[in-house]
N, C-alpha and C. Protein backbone atom coordinates (compact mmCIF):
# COMPACT_ATOMS: atom_id res chain seq x y z
N MET A 1 2.55 -16.75 16.36
CA MET A 1 2.22 -15.83 15.28
C MET A 1 2.55 -14.41 15.73
N PHE A 2 3.05 -13.61 14.79
CA PHE A 2 3.43 -12.24 15.05
C PHE A 2 2.58 -11.28 14.23
N ASN A 3 2.47 -10.05 14.70
CA ASN A 3 1.86 -9.00 13.89
C ASN A 3 2.98 -8.23 13.24
N ARG A 4 2.99 -8.22 11.90
CA ARG A 4 4.05 -7.56 11.15
C ARG A 4 3.44 -6.46 10.28
N GLY A 5 4.22 -5.43 10.05
CA GLY A 5 3.82 -4.36 9.14
C GLY A 5 4.48 -4.55 7.79
N ILE A 6 3.69 -4.43 6.74
CA ILE A 6 4.22 -4.49 5.39
C ILE A 6 4.00 -3.13 4.75
N ARG A 7 5.09 -2.50 4.32
CA ARG A 7 5.03 -1.18 3.73
C ARG A 7 4.91 -1.29 2.22
N GLY A 8 4.21 -0.33 1.65
CA GLY A 8 4.12 -0.26 0.21
C GLY A 8 3.81 1.16 -0.21
N ALA A 9 4.26 1.51 -1.41
CA ALA A 9 3.97 2.85 -1.93
C ALA A 9 4.01 2.82 -3.45
N THR A 10 3.25 3.72 -4.03
CA THR A 10 3.24 3.89 -5.47
C THR A 10 2.91 5.34 -5.77
N THR A 11 3.02 5.70 -7.02
CA THR A 11 2.66 7.06 -7.44
C THR A 11 1.73 6.98 -8.64
N VAL A 12 1.03 8.07 -8.87
CA VAL A 12 0.18 8.21 -10.05
C VAL A 12 0.61 9.46 -10.80
N GLU A 13 0.26 9.52 -12.06
CA GLU A 13 0.62 10.68 -12.89
C GLU A 13 -0.32 11.86 -12.68
N HIS A 14 -1.61 11.54 -12.40
CA HIS A 14 -2.63 12.59 -12.31
C HIS A 14 -3.54 12.36 -11.11
N ASN A 15 -4.14 13.42 -10.63
CA ASN A 15 -5.15 13.34 -9.58
C ASN A 15 -6.47 12.94 -10.22
N ASP A 16 -6.55 11.68 -10.60
CA ASP A 16 -7.69 11.15 -11.34
C ASP A 16 -8.25 9.95 -10.58
N GLU A 17 -9.56 9.91 -10.40
CA GLU A 17 -10.19 8.85 -9.61
C GLU A 17 -9.78 7.46 -10.08
N GLN A 18 -9.94 7.17 -11.36
CA GLN A 18 -9.65 5.83 -11.85
C GLN A 18 -8.17 5.48 -11.72
N GLU A 19 -7.31 6.45 -11.96
CA GLU A 19 -5.87 6.21 -11.83
C GLU A 19 -5.50 5.89 -10.37
N ILE A 20 -6.08 6.61 -9.43
CA ILE A 20 -5.83 6.34 -8.00
C ILE A 20 -6.35 4.97 -7.61
N LEU A 21 -7.55 4.63 -8.06
CA LEU A 21 -8.13 3.33 -7.73
C LEU A 21 -7.30 2.19 -8.33
N ASN A 22 -6.92 2.33 -9.59
CA ASN A 22 -6.13 1.29 -10.26
C ASN A 22 -4.77 1.11 -9.58
N ALA A 23 -4.11 2.21 -9.25
CA ALA A 23 -2.80 2.13 -8.62
C ALA A 23 -2.90 1.49 -7.23
N SER A 24 -3.97 1.79 -6.52
CA SER A 24 -4.17 1.22 -5.19
C SER A 24 -4.35 -0.29 -5.26
N VAL A 25 -5.14 -0.75 -6.22
CA VAL A 25 -5.35 -2.18 -6.41
C VAL A 25 -4.05 -2.86 -6.84
N GLU A 26 -3.33 -2.25 -7.76
CA GLU A 26 -2.06 -2.82 -8.22
C GLU A 26 -1.09 -2.99 -7.04
N LEU A 27 -0.98 -1.97 -6.22
CA LEU A 27 -0.08 -2.02 -5.07
C LEU A 27 -0.53 -3.09 -4.07
N MET A 28 -1.82 -3.12 -3.75
CA MET A 28 -2.31 -4.10 -2.78
C MET A 28 -2.12 -5.52 -3.29
N ARG A 29 -2.41 -5.75 -4.56
CA ARG A 29 -2.23 -7.09 -5.14
C ARG A 29 -0.76 -7.51 -5.11
N GLU A 30 0.13 -6.58 -5.42
CA GLU A 30 1.56 -6.91 -5.43
C GLU A 30 2.04 -7.23 -4.02
N ILE A 31 1.59 -6.49 -3.03
CA ILE A 31 1.94 -6.78 -1.63
C ILE A 31 1.41 -8.17 -1.26
N ALA A 32 0.17 -8.46 -1.64
CA ALA A 32 -0.43 -9.75 -1.31
C ALA A 32 0.31 -10.91 -1.98
N ILE A 33 0.66 -10.75 -3.24
CA ILE A 33 1.36 -11.81 -3.97
C ILE A 33 2.74 -12.05 -3.39
N ARG A 34 3.51 -10.99 -3.22
CA ARG A 34 4.90 -11.14 -2.74
C ARG A 34 4.98 -11.70 -1.33
N ASN A 35 3.92 -11.49 -0.53
CA ASN A 35 3.92 -11.94 0.85
C ASN A 35 2.97 -13.09 1.12
N ASP A 36 2.36 -13.62 0.05
CA ASP A 36 1.44 -14.76 0.16
C ASP A 36 0.38 -14.49 1.24
N LEU A 37 -0.30 -13.34 1.09
CA LEU A 37 -1.28 -12.90 2.09
C LEU A 37 -2.66 -13.48 1.86
N ASN A 38 -3.32 -13.77 2.97
CA ASN A 38 -4.72 -14.15 2.99
C ASN A 38 -5.44 -13.02 3.73
N PRO A 39 -6.50 -12.45 3.13
CA PRO A 39 -7.19 -11.33 3.80
C PRO A 39 -7.62 -11.65 5.23
N GLU A 40 -7.88 -12.92 5.54
CA GLU A 40 -8.28 -13.32 6.90
C GLU A 40 -7.19 -13.04 7.93
N ASN A 41 -5.94 -12.94 7.49
CA ASN A 41 -4.82 -12.72 8.42
C ASN A 41 -4.44 -11.25 8.54
N ILE A 42 -5.17 -10.37 7.88
CA ILE A 42 -4.85 -8.95 7.93
C ILE A 42 -5.67 -8.28 9.03
N GLY A 43 -4.96 -7.61 9.94
CA GLY A 43 -5.64 -6.91 11.02
C GLY A 43 -6.23 -5.60 10.56
N SER A 44 -5.46 -4.86 9.75
CA SER A 44 -5.94 -3.59 9.21
C SER A 44 -4.95 -3.09 8.17
N ILE A 45 -5.42 -2.11 7.40
CA ILE A 45 -4.58 -1.46 6.40
C ILE A 45 -4.75 0.05 6.57
N TRP A 46 -3.63 0.72 6.76
CA TRP A 46 -3.59 2.17 6.88
C TRP A 46 -3.11 2.71 5.55
N ILE A 47 -3.86 3.63 4.97
CA ILE A 47 -3.56 4.19 3.65
C ILE A 47 -3.39 5.69 3.78
N THR A 48 -2.30 6.22 3.23
CA THR A 48 -2.16 7.67 3.17
C THR A 48 -1.91 8.09 1.73
N MET A 49 -2.30 9.34 1.44
CA MET A 49 -2.03 9.94 0.14
C MET A 49 -1.49 11.34 0.38
N THR A 50 -0.66 11.78 -0.54
CA THR A 50 -0.17 13.15 -0.45
C THR A 50 -1.33 14.11 -0.71
N GLN A 51 -1.18 15.35 -0.26
CA GLN A 51 -2.28 16.32 -0.33
C GLN A 51 -2.68 16.68 -1.74
N ASP A 52 -1.86 16.38 -2.72
CA ASP A 52 -2.22 16.69 -4.11
C ASP A 52 -3.14 15.64 -4.72
N LEU A 53 -3.51 14.62 -3.95
CA LEU A 53 -4.46 13.60 -4.41
C LEU A 53 -5.73 13.66 -3.57
N ASP A 54 -6.83 13.97 -4.23
CA ASP A 54 -8.11 14.02 -3.52
C ASP A 54 -9.29 13.58 -4.39
N ALA A 55 -8.99 12.86 -5.47
CA ALA A 55 -10.05 12.46 -6.40
C ALA A 55 -10.73 11.15 -6.03
N ALA A 56 -10.15 10.38 -5.08
CA ALA A 56 -10.74 9.08 -4.73
C ALA A 56 -10.20 8.60 -3.39
N PHE A 57 -10.93 7.70 -2.77
CA PHE A 57 -10.47 6.98 -1.59
C PHE A 57 -9.87 5.66 -2.05
N PRO A 58 -8.59 5.40 -1.84
CA PRO A 58 -8.00 4.12 -2.23
C PRO A 58 -8.69 2.92 -1.58
N ALA A 59 -9.21 3.11 -0.38
CA ALA A 59 -9.89 2.01 0.32
C ALA A 59 -11.06 1.47 -0.50
N LYS A 60 -11.71 2.33 -1.24
CA LYS A 60 -12.85 1.92 -2.07
C LYS A 60 -12.44 0.80 -3.03
N ALA A 61 -11.30 0.95 -3.66
CA ALA A 61 -10.83 -0.05 -4.63
C ALA A 61 -10.43 -1.35 -3.95
N ILE A 62 -9.74 -1.24 -2.81
CA ILE A 62 -9.27 -2.45 -2.12
C ILE A 62 -10.45 -3.24 -1.58
N ARG A 63 -11.47 -2.56 -1.06
CA ARG A 63 -12.67 -3.24 -0.54
C ARG A 63 -13.39 -4.05 -1.61
N GLN A 64 -13.24 -3.65 -2.86
CA GLN A 64 -13.94 -4.34 -3.94
C GLN A 64 -13.21 -5.59 -4.42
N LEU A 65 -11.98 -5.82 -3.95
CA LEU A 65 -11.27 -7.05 -4.29
C LEU A 65 -11.97 -8.23 -3.63
N GLU A 66 -12.04 -9.33 -4.33
CA GLU A 66 -12.72 -10.51 -3.80
C GLU A 66 -12.06 -10.97 -2.49
N GLY A 67 -12.89 -11.06 -1.43
CA GLY A 67 -12.41 -11.51 -0.14
C GLY A 67 -11.86 -10.42 0.76
N TRP A 68 -11.79 -9.18 0.27
CA TRP A 68 -11.18 -8.09 1.03
C TRP A 68 -12.22 -7.14 1.63
N ASP A 69 -13.49 -7.39 1.44
CA ASP A 69 -14.54 -6.46 1.86
C ASP A 69 -14.64 -6.28 3.38
N LEU A 70 -14.15 -7.23 4.18
CA LEU A 70 -14.23 -7.11 5.63
C LEU A 70 -12.92 -6.66 6.28
N VAL A 71 -11.89 -6.46 5.49
CA VAL A 71 -10.61 -5.99 6.02
C VAL A 71 -10.76 -4.53 6.43
N PRO A 72 -10.43 -4.17 7.68
CA PRO A 72 -10.53 -2.78 8.09
C PRO A 72 -9.51 -1.91 7.34
N LEU A 73 -10.01 -0.84 6.74
CA LEU A 73 -9.18 0.08 5.96
C LEU A 73 -9.41 1.50 6.46
N MET A 74 -8.33 2.30 6.48
CA MET A 74 -8.44 3.69 6.90
C MET A 74 -7.58 4.54 5.99
N CYS A 75 -8.14 5.64 5.50
CA CYS A 75 -7.41 6.58 4.64
C CYS A 75 -7.10 7.86 5.42
N ALA A 76 -5.96 8.45 5.09
CA ALA A 76 -5.56 9.71 5.72
C ALA A 76 -4.67 10.49 4.76
N VAL A 77 -4.42 11.74 5.10
CA VAL A 77 -3.53 12.59 4.30
C VAL A 77 -2.12 12.46 4.87
N GLU A 78 -1.16 12.29 3.99
CA GLU A 78 0.25 12.19 4.37
C GLU A 78 0.74 13.53 4.93
N VAL A 79 1.68 13.50 5.83
CA VAL A 79 2.28 14.72 6.36
C VAL A 79 2.90 15.50 5.20
N PRO A 80 2.54 16.79 5.05
CA PRO A 80 3.01 17.57 3.90
C PRO A 80 4.43 18.12 4.08
N VAL A 81 5.40 17.25 3.96
CA VAL A 81 6.80 17.66 4.11
C VAL A 81 7.27 18.32 2.81
N LYS A 82 7.88 19.49 2.93
CA LYS A 82 8.38 20.22 1.77
C LYS A 82 9.36 19.35 0.99
N GLY A 83 9.16 19.27 -0.33
CA GLY A 83 10.05 18.50 -1.19
C GLY A 83 9.76 17.01 -1.23
N SER A 84 8.68 16.58 -0.58
CA SER A 84 8.37 15.14 -0.59
C SER A 84 7.85 14.70 -1.95
N LEU A 85 7.85 13.40 -2.17
CA LEU A 85 7.42 12.81 -3.43
C LEU A 85 5.95 13.15 -3.69
N PRO A 86 5.63 13.75 -4.84
CA PRO A 86 4.24 14.11 -5.14
C PRO A 86 3.41 12.91 -5.62
N ARG A 87 2.11 13.07 -5.54
CA ARG A 87 1.12 12.11 -6.04
C ARG A 87 1.42 10.68 -5.59
N CYS A 88 1.62 10.54 -4.30
CA CYS A 88 2.06 9.27 -3.72
C CYS A 88 0.97 8.65 -2.84
N ILE A 89 0.80 7.35 -2.99
CA ILE A 89 -0.13 6.55 -2.18
C ILE A 89 0.73 5.57 -1.39
N ARG A 90 0.51 5.53 -0.08
CA ARG A 90 1.28 4.62 0.78
C ARG A 90 0.33 3.69 1.53
N LEU A 91 0.78 2.45 1.72
CA LEU A 91 0.02 1.46 2.50
C LEU A 91 0.88 0.94 3.64
N MET A 92 0.24 0.70 4.78
CA MET A 92 0.84 -0.04 5.88
C MET A 92 -0.13 -1.16 6.20
N VAL A 93 0.24 -2.36 5.83
CA VAL A 93 -0.61 -3.54 6.01
C VAL A 93 -0.17 -4.25 7.29
N GLN A 94 -1.05 -4.34 8.26
CA GLN A 94 -0.78 -5.05 9.51
C GLN A 94 -1.28 -6.48 9.35
N VAL A 95 -0.35 -7.43 9.36
CA VAL A 95 -0.70 -8.82 9.08
C VAL A 95 -0.22 -9.74 10.19
N ASN A 96 -1.03 -10.74 10.51
CA ASN A 96 -0.64 -11.78 11.46
C ASN A 96 0.03 -12.89 10.67
N THR A 97 1.26 -13.21 11.04
CA THR A 97 2.05 -14.14 10.24
C THR A 97 3.10 -14.85 11.08
N GLU A 98 3.58 -15.94 10.57
CA GLU A 98 4.70 -16.66 11.18
C GLU A 98 6.03 -16.16 10.62
N LYS A 99 5.98 -15.31 9.59
CA LYS A 99 7.21 -14.83 8.95
C LYS A 99 8.00 -13.90 9.87
N SER A 100 9.32 -13.95 9.71
CA SER A 100 10.19 -13.03 10.44
C SER A 100 10.20 -11.68 9.72
N GLN A 101 10.74 -10.67 10.40
CA GLN A 101 10.85 -9.35 9.77
C GLN A 101 11.62 -9.43 8.46
N SER A 102 12.69 -10.23 8.44
CA SER A 102 13.52 -10.32 7.24
C SER A 102 12.82 -11.04 6.08
N GLU A 103 11.76 -11.77 6.36
CA GLU A 103 11.02 -12.47 5.30
C GLU A 103 9.92 -11.61 4.68
N ILE A 104 9.60 -10.50 5.31
CA ILE A 104 8.56 -9.60 4.80
C ILE A 104 9.09 -8.90 3.56
N LYS A 105 8.24 -8.81 2.54
CA LYS A 105 8.62 -8.17 1.28
C LYS A 105 7.82 -6.88 1.10
N HIS A 106 8.48 -5.76 1.29
CA HIS A 106 7.87 -4.46 1.11
C HIS A 106 7.84 -4.14 -0.38
N VAL A 107 6.88 -3.34 -0.81
CA VAL A 107 6.67 -3.12 -2.24
C VAL A 107 6.65 -1.62 -2.55
N TYR A 108 7.52 -1.22 -3.47
CA TYR A 108 7.58 0.17 -3.92
C TYR A 108 7.51 0.17 -5.44
N LEU A 109 6.49 0.83 -5.98
CA LEU A 109 6.25 0.83 -7.42
C LEU A 109 6.37 2.25 -7.98
N ASN A 110 6.59 2.32 -9.27
CA ASN A 110 6.66 3.61 -9.99
C ASN A 110 7.69 4.53 -9.35
N ASP A 111 7.39 5.82 -9.25
CA ASP A 111 8.36 6.77 -8.67
C ASP A 111 8.59 6.54 -7.18
N ALA A 112 7.72 5.78 -6.53
CA ALA A 112 7.89 5.51 -5.10
C ALA A 112 9.12 4.64 -4.82
N LYS A 113 9.68 4.05 -5.85
CA LYS A 113 10.94 3.29 -5.68
C LYS A 113 12.02 4.19 -5.11
N LYS A 114 11.92 5.48 -5.34
CA LYS A 114 12.89 6.45 -4.83
C LYS A 114 12.86 6.56 -3.30
N LEU A 115 11.72 6.22 -2.71
CA LEU A 115 11.56 6.36 -1.26
C LEU A 115 12.45 5.39 -0.49
N ARG A 116 12.51 4.16 -0.96
CA ARG A 116 13.31 3.12 -0.30
C ARG A 116 13.95 2.23 -1.35
N PRO A 117 14.98 2.74 -2.01
CA PRO A 117 15.63 1.93 -3.05
C PRO A 117 16.17 0.61 -2.51
N ASP A 118 16.50 0.59 -1.22
CA ASP A 118 16.99 -0.64 -0.61
C ASP A 118 15.91 -1.72 -0.52
N LEU A 119 14.65 -1.31 -0.53
CA LEU A 119 13.54 -2.27 -0.44
C LEU A 119 12.75 -2.40 -1.73
N ALA A 120 13.02 -1.55 -2.71
CA ALA A 120 12.21 -1.50 -3.93
C ALA A 120 12.36 -2.74 -4.80
N ALA A 121 13.54 -3.31 -4.86
CA ALA A 121 13.75 -4.50 -5.69
C ALA A 121 13.20 -5.72 -4.98
N PRO A 122 12.45 -6.56 -5.70
CA PRO A 122 11.91 -7.77 -5.07
C PRO A 122 13.03 -8.69 -4.58
N LYS A 123 12.83 -9.26 -3.38
CA LYS A 123 13.80 -10.23 -2.86
C LYS A 123 13.59 -11.56 -3.58
N VAL A 124 14.69 -12.20 -3.88
CA VAL A 124 14.61 -13.50 -4.59
C VAL A 124 14.61 -14.62 -3.60
């Protein structure tokens, strides 16, 4: 078994608590579905948000998903690089898996597709 990182990112339109929580859940669910994840196999999830988002902790929403309450989650502020994508939420999911690096499916939603267009389209 290997420890693999699964990247994901999404954006929201407004610095709004419910919008941040909903987008975080949508992103986490999509990562879980595309990678057939079981919360028991997740070592931790690192979450960052751009500085223009401060209305909610994304970890709050993920912890409320059934079976995810014991997964270690950490939130932080993204490095404020000039010209970077605004209102962006990023996840780094550390998972124990038998999958190879090439089998991992990274997820980019909404305007975050611009960050990694090579990875944004789902692999078939």
